[in-house]
Amino acid sequence: MTRGFRDENGGKAEVLVDIDDVAYVSTSRSGQAYLVRDADDRDIWLPVSLVEKNSDGTFTMPEWLAKEKRLI
């Protein structure tokens, strides 16, 4: 799923995506990153500051981050 929001000044919308094909493994000791595993068994660190871990097991993040981590 893709969605976006506008910043407080009415600027360009940042596109958010929901990722559902990864499995949560753990959170770093510092609490600053989630470790997830994708379908190819790749371990991927995602910064907590940019990612929302949803109660349904999905992760919401900016589209650019999902592309950078090769999740989409």
Protein backbone atom coordinates (compact mmCIF):
# COMPACT_ATOMS: atom_id res chain seq x y z
CA MET A 1 0.00 0.00 0.00
CA THR A 2 1.25 3.48 -0.80
CA ARG A 3 0.15 6.70 0.85
CA GLY A 4 1.54 10.16 1.51
CA PHE A 5 1.28 13.19 3.72
CA ARG A 6 2.03 16.88 3.45
CA ASP A 7 4.45 18.64 5.72
CA GLU A 8 3.22 21.40 8.05
CA ASN A 9 3.98 24.08 5.45
CA GLY A 10 1.96 22.39 2.71
CA GLY A 11 5.09 21.13 0.96
CA LYS A 12 5.51 18.10 -1.24
CA ALA A 13 3.99 14.88 0.06
CA GLU A 14 6.35 12.14 1.18
CA VAL A 15 5.22 8.77 -0.04
CA LEU A 16 4.87 6.08 2.62
CA VAL A 17 4.64 2.36 1.92
CA ASP A 18 3.50 -0.59 4.01
CA ILE A 19 5.81 -3.59 3.81
CA ASP A 20 4.26 -6.92 4.72
CA ASP A 21 6.69 -9.46 3.32
CA VAL A 22 9.32 -9.22 6.08
CA ALA A 23 9.45 -10.91 9.47
CA TYR A 24 10.38 -9.02 12.62
CA VAL A 25 13.45 -10.54 14.29
CA SER A 26 14.44 -8.12 17.06
CA THR A 27 15.15 -4.56 18.12
CA SER A 28 18.73 -3.38 18.60
CA ARG A 29 20.05 -3.04 22.14
CA SER A 30 20.04 0.72 21.78
CA GLY A 31 16.42 0.63 20.61
CA GLN A 32 17.30 2.60 17.49
CA ALA A 33 16.76 -0.09 14.82
CA TYR A 34 14.55 -3.04 13.95
CA LEU A 35 16.09 -6.18 12.52
CA VAL A 36 13.82 -7.83 9.95
CA ARG A 37 14.27 -10.79 7.61
CA ASP A 38 12.95 -10.78 4.05
CA ALA A 39 11.76 -13.70 1.91
CA ASP A 40 15.33 -14.23 0.64
CA ASP A 41 16.59 -14.65 4.24
CA ARG A 42 18.41 -11.30 4.13
CA ASP A 43 18.73 -9.59 7.51
CA ILE A 44 17.92 -5.90 7.17
CA TRP A 45 18.29 -3.15 9.78
CA LEU A 46 15.61 -0.44 9.69
CA PRO A 47 15.93 2.78 11.73
CA VAL A 48 13.17 3.16 14.33
CA SER A 49 13.14 6.91 13.67
CA LEU A 50 11.90 6.32 10.10
CA VAL A 51 9.87 3.14 10.45
CA GLU A 52 6.61 2.34 12.20
CA LYS A 53 6.13 -1.25 13.38
CA ASN A 54 2.39 -1.91 13.09
CA SER A 55 0.34 -4.26 15.24
CA ASP A 56 -0.67 -6.28 12.16
CA GLY A 57 2.97 -7.24 11.47
CA THR A 58 3.55 -4.72 8.68
CA PHE A 59 6.13 -1.93 8.67
CA THR A 60 5.38 1.58 7.37
CA MET A 61 8.30 3.59 6.01
CA PRO A 62 9.19 6.21 3.40
CA GLU A 63 9.24 4.79 -0.10
CA TRP A 64 12.86 5.91 -0.62
CA LEU A 65 13.98 3.82 2.38
CA ALA A 66 12.11 0.73 1.17
CA LYS A 67 13.80 1.11 -2.21
CA GLU A 68 17.22 1.69 -0.64
CA LYS A 69 16.84 -1.50 1.43
CA ARG A 70 15.52 -3.38 -1.64
CA LEU A 71 12.19 -4.16 -0.02
CA ILE A 72 10.24 -2.94 -3.06
